[in-house]
């Protein structure tokens, strides 16, 4: 897991935040709800997803490179935004 922290770096976290913001913004626009709230939730979820998967032992994520991490972050953000939408 420490290798993932070292490998990600600040630039990857910023890119993950931007991807999560975009996913949340689109979800907010599609549902007609608060775009800013969904964007923040998406950004947090996108940044947290790779770390959660690394903590669960998914080691292929670190070997897949930045593109795989971004895809996983986008999927994680979409799932969390959908879950928040379903709860509300």
N, C-alpha and C. Protein backbone atom coordinates (compact mmCIF):
# COMPACT_ATOMS: atom_id res chain seq x y z
N UNK A 1 0.82 -1.18 0.00
CA UNK A 1 0.00 0.00 0.00
C UNK A 1 0.87 1.25 0.00
N UNK A 2 2.02 1.18 0.63
CA UNK A 2 2.91 2.33 0.63
C UNK A 2 3.42 2.61 -0.77
N UNK A 3 3.57 1.57 -1.57
CA UNK A 3 4.00 1.76 -2.95
C UNK A 3 2.98 2.55 -3.75
N UNK A 4 1.70 2.35 -3.44
CA UNK A 4 0.66 3.11 -4.14
C UNK A 4 0.73 4.58 -3.76
N UNK A 5 0.97 4.85 -2.47
CA UNK A 5 1.09 6.24 -2.03
C UNK A 5 2.27 6.93 -2.72
N UNK A 6 3.39 6.23 -2.82
CA UNK A 6 4.56 6.80 -3.46
C UNK A 6 4.35 6.94 -4.96
N UNK A 7 3.70 5.96 -5.55
CA UNK A 7 3.51 5.97 -7.00
C UNK A 7 2.50 7.00 -7.47
N UNK A 8 1.48 7.26 -6.66
CA UNK A 8 0.45 8.19 -7.08
C UNK A 8 0.98 9.61 -7.18
N UNK A 9 1.48 10.13 -6.12
CA UNK A 9 1.98 11.48 -6.14
C UNK A 9 0.86 12.51 -6.13
N UNK A 10 1.26 13.76 -6.00
CA UNK A 10 0.28 14.84 -5.90
C UNK A 10 -0.42 15.08 -7.23
N UNK A 11 0.29 14.93 -8.33
CA UNK A 11 -0.31 15.19 -9.64
C UNK A 11 -1.46 14.22 -9.92
N UNK A 12 -1.27 12.96 -9.58
CA UNK A 12 -2.32 11.97 -9.81
C UNK A 12 -3.53 12.25 -8.93
N UNK A 13 -3.31 12.70 -7.71
CA UNK A 13 -4.44 13.04 -6.84
C UNK A 13 -5.22 14.23 -7.37
N UNK A 14 -4.51 15.19 -7.93
CA UNK A 14 -5.19 16.34 -8.52
C UNK A 14 -6.00 15.91 -9.74
N UNK A 15 -5.42 15.05 -10.55
CA UNK A 15 -6.15 14.56 -11.73
C UNK A 15 -7.36 13.74 -11.29
N UNK A 16 -7.21 12.93 -10.25
CA UNK A 16 -8.35 12.17 -9.72
C UNK A 16 -9.45 13.11 -9.23
N UNK A 17 -9.06 14.19 -8.58
CA UNK A 17 -10.05 15.16 -8.10
C UNK A 17 -10.79 15.79 -9.26
N UNK A 18 -10.08 16.11 -10.33
CA UNK A 18 -10.73 16.70 -11.50
C UNK A 18 -11.68 15.70 -12.15
N UNK A 19 -11.26 14.45 -12.24
CA UNK A 19 -12.15 13.41 -12.81
C UNK A 19 -13.39 13.25 -11.94
N UNK A 20 -13.21 13.22 -10.64
CA UNK A 20 -14.36 13.10 -9.74
C UNK A 20 -15.28 14.31 -9.80
N UNK A 21 -14.70 15.50 -9.92
CA UNK A 21 -15.53 16.70 -10.09
C UNK A 21 -16.37 16.61 -11.35
N UNK A 22 -15.76 16.14 -12.43
CA UNK A 22 -16.49 16.02 -13.69
C UNK A 22 -17.61 14.99 -13.59
N UNK A 23 -17.32 13.86 -12.98
CA UNK A 23 -18.35 12.82 -12.83
C UNK A 23 -19.50 13.33 -11.96
N UNK A 24 -19.18 13.99 -10.87
CA UNK A 24 -20.21 14.53 -10.00
C UNK A 24 -21.01 15.63 -10.66
N UNK A 25 -20.33 16.49 -11.41
CA UNK A 25 -21.02 17.58 -12.10
C UNK A 25 -22.01 17.03 -13.13
N UNK A 26 -21.59 16.02 -13.89
CA UNK A 26 -22.47 15.41 -14.89
C UNK A 26 -23.66 14.74 -14.19
N UNK A 27 -23.41 14.06 -13.09
CA UNK A 27 -24.51 13.41 -12.37
C UNK A 27 -25.48 14.44 -11.84
N UNK A 28 -24.97 15.56 -11.33
CA UNK A 28 -25.85 16.62 -10.85
C UNK A 28 -26.65 17.25 -11.97
N UNK A 29 -26.02 17.41 -13.13
CA UNK A 29 -26.72 17.99 -14.28
C UNK A 29 -27.80 17.03 -14.81
N UNK A 30 -27.52 15.74 -14.78
CA UNK A 30 -28.49 14.76 -15.28
C UNK A 30 -29.70 14.64 -14.37
N UNK A 31 -29.47 14.76 -13.08
CA UNK A 31 -30.58 14.60 -12.14
C UNK A 31 -31.27 15.91 -11.82
N UNK A 32 -30.66 17.03 -12.20
CA UNK A 32 -31.26 18.32 -11.90
C UNK A 32 -31.10 18.73 -10.45
N UNK A 33 -30.19 18.11 -9.76
CA UNK A 33 -29.95 18.40 -8.35
C UNK A 33 -28.74 19.30 -8.22
N UNK A 34 -28.25 19.44 -7.01
CA UNK A 34 -27.12 20.31 -6.71
C UNK A 34 -25.85 19.80 -7.39
N UNK A 35 -25.42 20.50 -8.42
CA UNK A 35 -24.23 20.08 -9.15
C UNK A 35 -22.98 20.20 -8.29
N UNK A 36 -22.92 21.25 -7.49
CA UNK A 36 -21.73 21.46 -6.66
C UNK A 36 -21.59 20.37 -5.59
N UNK A 37 -22.69 19.99 -4.98
CA UNK A 37 -22.64 18.94 -3.96
C UNK A 37 -22.19 17.62 -4.57
N UNK A 38 -22.78 17.26 -5.70
CA UNK A 38 -22.39 16.00 -6.35
C UNK A 38 -20.95 16.07 -6.84
N UNK A 39 -20.48 17.24 -7.27
CA UNK A 39 -19.10 17.38 -7.72
C UNK A 39 -18.13 17.15 -6.57
N UNK A 40 -18.43 17.70 -5.41
CA UNK A 40 -17.56 17.50 -4.24
C UNK A 40 -17.57 16.04 -3.81
N UNK A 41 -18.74 15.43 -3.78
CA UNK A 41 -18.83 14.01 -3.41
C UNK A 41 -18.06 13.17 -4.42
N UNK A 42 -18.19 13.47 -5.70
CA UNK A 42 -17.47 12.73 -6.73
C UNK A 42 -15.96 12.88 -6.60
N UNK A 43 -15.49 14.08 -6.28
CA UNK A 43 -14.05 14.30 -6.13
C UNK A 43 -13.49 13.52 -4.95
N UNK A 44 -14.19 13.56 -3.84
CA UNK A 44 -13.73 12.81 -2.66
C UNK A 44 -13.74 11.31 -2.94
N UNK A 45 -14.79 10.84 -3.58
CA UNK A 45 -14.88 9.40 -3.87
C UNK A 45 -13.81 8.97 -4.87
N UNK A 46 -13.55 9.78 -5.87
CA UNK A 46 -12.53 9.42 -6.87
C UNK A 46 -11.14 9.36 -6.24
N UNK A 47 -10.86 10.26 -5.31
CA UNK A 47 -9.55 10.24 -4.66
C UNK A 47 -9.44 9.10 -3.66
N UNK A 48 -10.55 8.70 -3.05
CA UNK A 48 -10.50 7.65 -2.03
C UNK A 48 -10.52 6.24 -2.61
N UNK A 49 -11.13 6.05 -3.76
CA UNK A 49 -11.31 4.71 -4.32
C UNK A 49 -10.00 3.95 -4.51
N UNK A 50 -8.95 4.51 -5.12
CA UNK A 50 -7.71 3.73 -5.25
C UNK A 50 -7.10 3.33 -3.91
N UNK A 51 -7.23 4.18 -2.91
CA UNK A 51 -6.68 3.85 -1.59
C UNK A 51 -7.49 2.76 -0.91
N UNK A 52 -8.79 2.80 -1.07
CA UNK A 52 -9.65 1.75 -0.49
C UNK A 52 -9.33 0.41 -1.15
N UNK A 53 -9.20 0.40 -2.47
CA UNK A 53 -8.88 -0.85 -3.16
C UNK A 53 -7.50 -1.36 -2.77
N UNK A 54 -6.54 -0.46 -2.59
CA UNK A 54 -5.21 -0.89 -2.16
C UNK A 54 -5.25 -1.47 -0.75
N UNK A 55 -6.08 -0.88 0.11
CA UNK A 55 -6.21 -1.39 1.47
C UNK A 55 -6.87 -2.77 1.48
N UNK A 56 -7.73 -3.03 0.49
CA UNK A 56 -8.38 -4.33 0.38
C UNK A 56 -7.50 -5.38 -0.27
N UNK A 57 -6.34 -4.95 -0.77
CA UNK A 57 -5.40 -5.91 -1.33
C UNK A 57 -5.42 -6.03 -2.83
N UNK A 58 -6.03 -5.11 -3.53
CA UNK A 58 -6.04 -5.14 -4.99
C UNK A 58 -4.71 -4.54 -5.45
N UNK A 59 -3.76 -5.42 -5.75
CA UNK A 59 -2.42 -4.96 -6.09
C UNK A 59 -2.26 -4.68 -7.58
N UNK A 60 -3.13 -5.18 -8.41
CA UNK A 60 -3.03 -4.95 -9.85
C UNK A 60 -3.27 -3.49 -10.19
N UNK A 61 -3.89 -2.77 -9.29
CA UNK A 61 -4.17 -1.35 -9.52
C UNK A 61 -2.88 -0.56 -9.65
N UNK A 62 -1.92 -0.81 -8.81
CA UNK A 62 -0.65 -0.07 -8.85
C UNK A 62 0.14 -0.42 -10.10
N UNK A 63 0.01 -1.65 -10.58
CA UNK A 63 0.75 -2.08 -11.75
C UNK A 63 0.10 -1.57 -13.04
N UNK A 64 -1.15 -1.17 -12.98
CA UNK A 64 -1.86 -0.75 -14.18
C UNK A 64 -1.52 0.64 -14.65
N UNK A 65 -0.91 1.43 -13.82
CA UNK A 65 -0.52 2.77 -14.22
C UNK A 65 -1.58 3.81 -13.94
N UNK A 66 -1.29 5.01 -14.36
CA UNK A 66 -2.16 6.15 -14.07
C UNK A 66 -3.51 6.04 -14.75
N UNK A 67 -3.54 5.53 -15.96
CA UNK A 67 -4.81 5.41 -16.69
C UNK A 67 -5.78 4.49 -15.97
N UNK A 68 -5.31 3.37 -15.50
CA UNK A 68 -6.18 2.44 -14.76
C UNK A 68 -6.65 3.07 -13.46
N UNK A 69 -5.79 3.81 -12.79
CA UNK A 69 -6.18 4.47 -11.55
C UNK A 69 -7.26 5.51 -11.82
N UNK A 70 -7.14 6.24 -12.92
CA UNK A 70 -8.16 7.23 -13.28
C UNK A 70 -9.50 6.58 -13.61
N UNK A 71 -9.45 5.47 -14.32
CA UNK A 71 -10.69 4.75 -14.65
C UNK A 71 -11.35 4.23 -13.38
N UNK A 72 -10.56 3.66 -12.50
CA UNK A 72 -11.10 3.15 -11.23
C UNK A 72 -11.66 4.30 -10.39
N UNK A 73 -10.98 5.42 -10.39
CA UNK A 73 -11.47 6.59 -9.66
C UNK A 73 -12.79 7.10 -10.22
N UNK A 74 -12.91 7.12 -11.54
CA UNK A 74 -14.16 7.57 -12.17
C UNK A 74 -15.31 6.61 -11.86
N UNK A 75 -15.04 5.33 -11.93
CA UNK A 75 -16.08 4.33 -11.62
C UNK A 75 -16.47 4.42 -10.15
N UNK A 76 -15.49 4.56 -9.28
CA UNK A 76 -15.78 4.70 -7.85
C UNK A 76 -16.60 5.94 -7.55
N UNK A 77 -16.25 7.05 -8.21
CA UNK A 77 -17.01 8.29 -8.01
C UNK A 77 -18.44 8.13 -8.50
N UNK A 78 -18.62 7.49 -9.65
CA UNK A 78 -19.96 7.28 -10.18
C UNK A 78 -20.80 6.41 -9.26
N UNK A 79 -20.17 5.37 -8.71
CA UNK A 79 -20.91 4.49 -7.80
C UNK A 79 -21.31 5.20 -6.51
N UNK A 80 -20.41 5.99 -5.96
CA UNK A 80 -20.72 6.70 -4.71
C UNK A 80 -21.79 7.76 -4.95
N UNK A 81 -21.69 8.49 -6.06
CA UNK A 81 -22.72 9.50 -6.38
C UNK A 81 -24.07 8.83 -6.59
N UNK A 82 -24.09 7.67 -7.27
CA UNK A 82 -25.34 6.94 -7.46
C UNK A 82 -25.90 6.45 -6.12
N UNK A 83 -25.03 6.01 -5.25
CA UNK A 83 -25.47 5.55 -3.93
C UNK A 83 -26.05 6.70 -3.13
N UNK A 84 -25.40 7.86 -3.15
CA UNK A 84 -25.92 9.04 -2.45
C UNK A 84 -27.26 9.45 -3.04
N UNK A 85 -27.37 9.39 -4.35
CA UNK A 85 -28.62 9.74 -5.03
C UNK A 85 -29.73 8.76 -4.63
N UNK A 86 -29.41 7.48 -4.51
CA UNK A 86 -30.41 6.48 -4.14
C UNK A 86 -30.86 6.66 -2.69
N UNK A 87 -29.94 7.07 -1.83
CA UNK A 87 -30.28 7.27 -0.43
C UNK A 87 -31.18 8.48 -0.27
N UNK A 88 -30.89 9.55 -1.02
CA UNK A 88 -31.70 10.74 -0.93
C UNK A 88 -33.01 10.48 -1.58
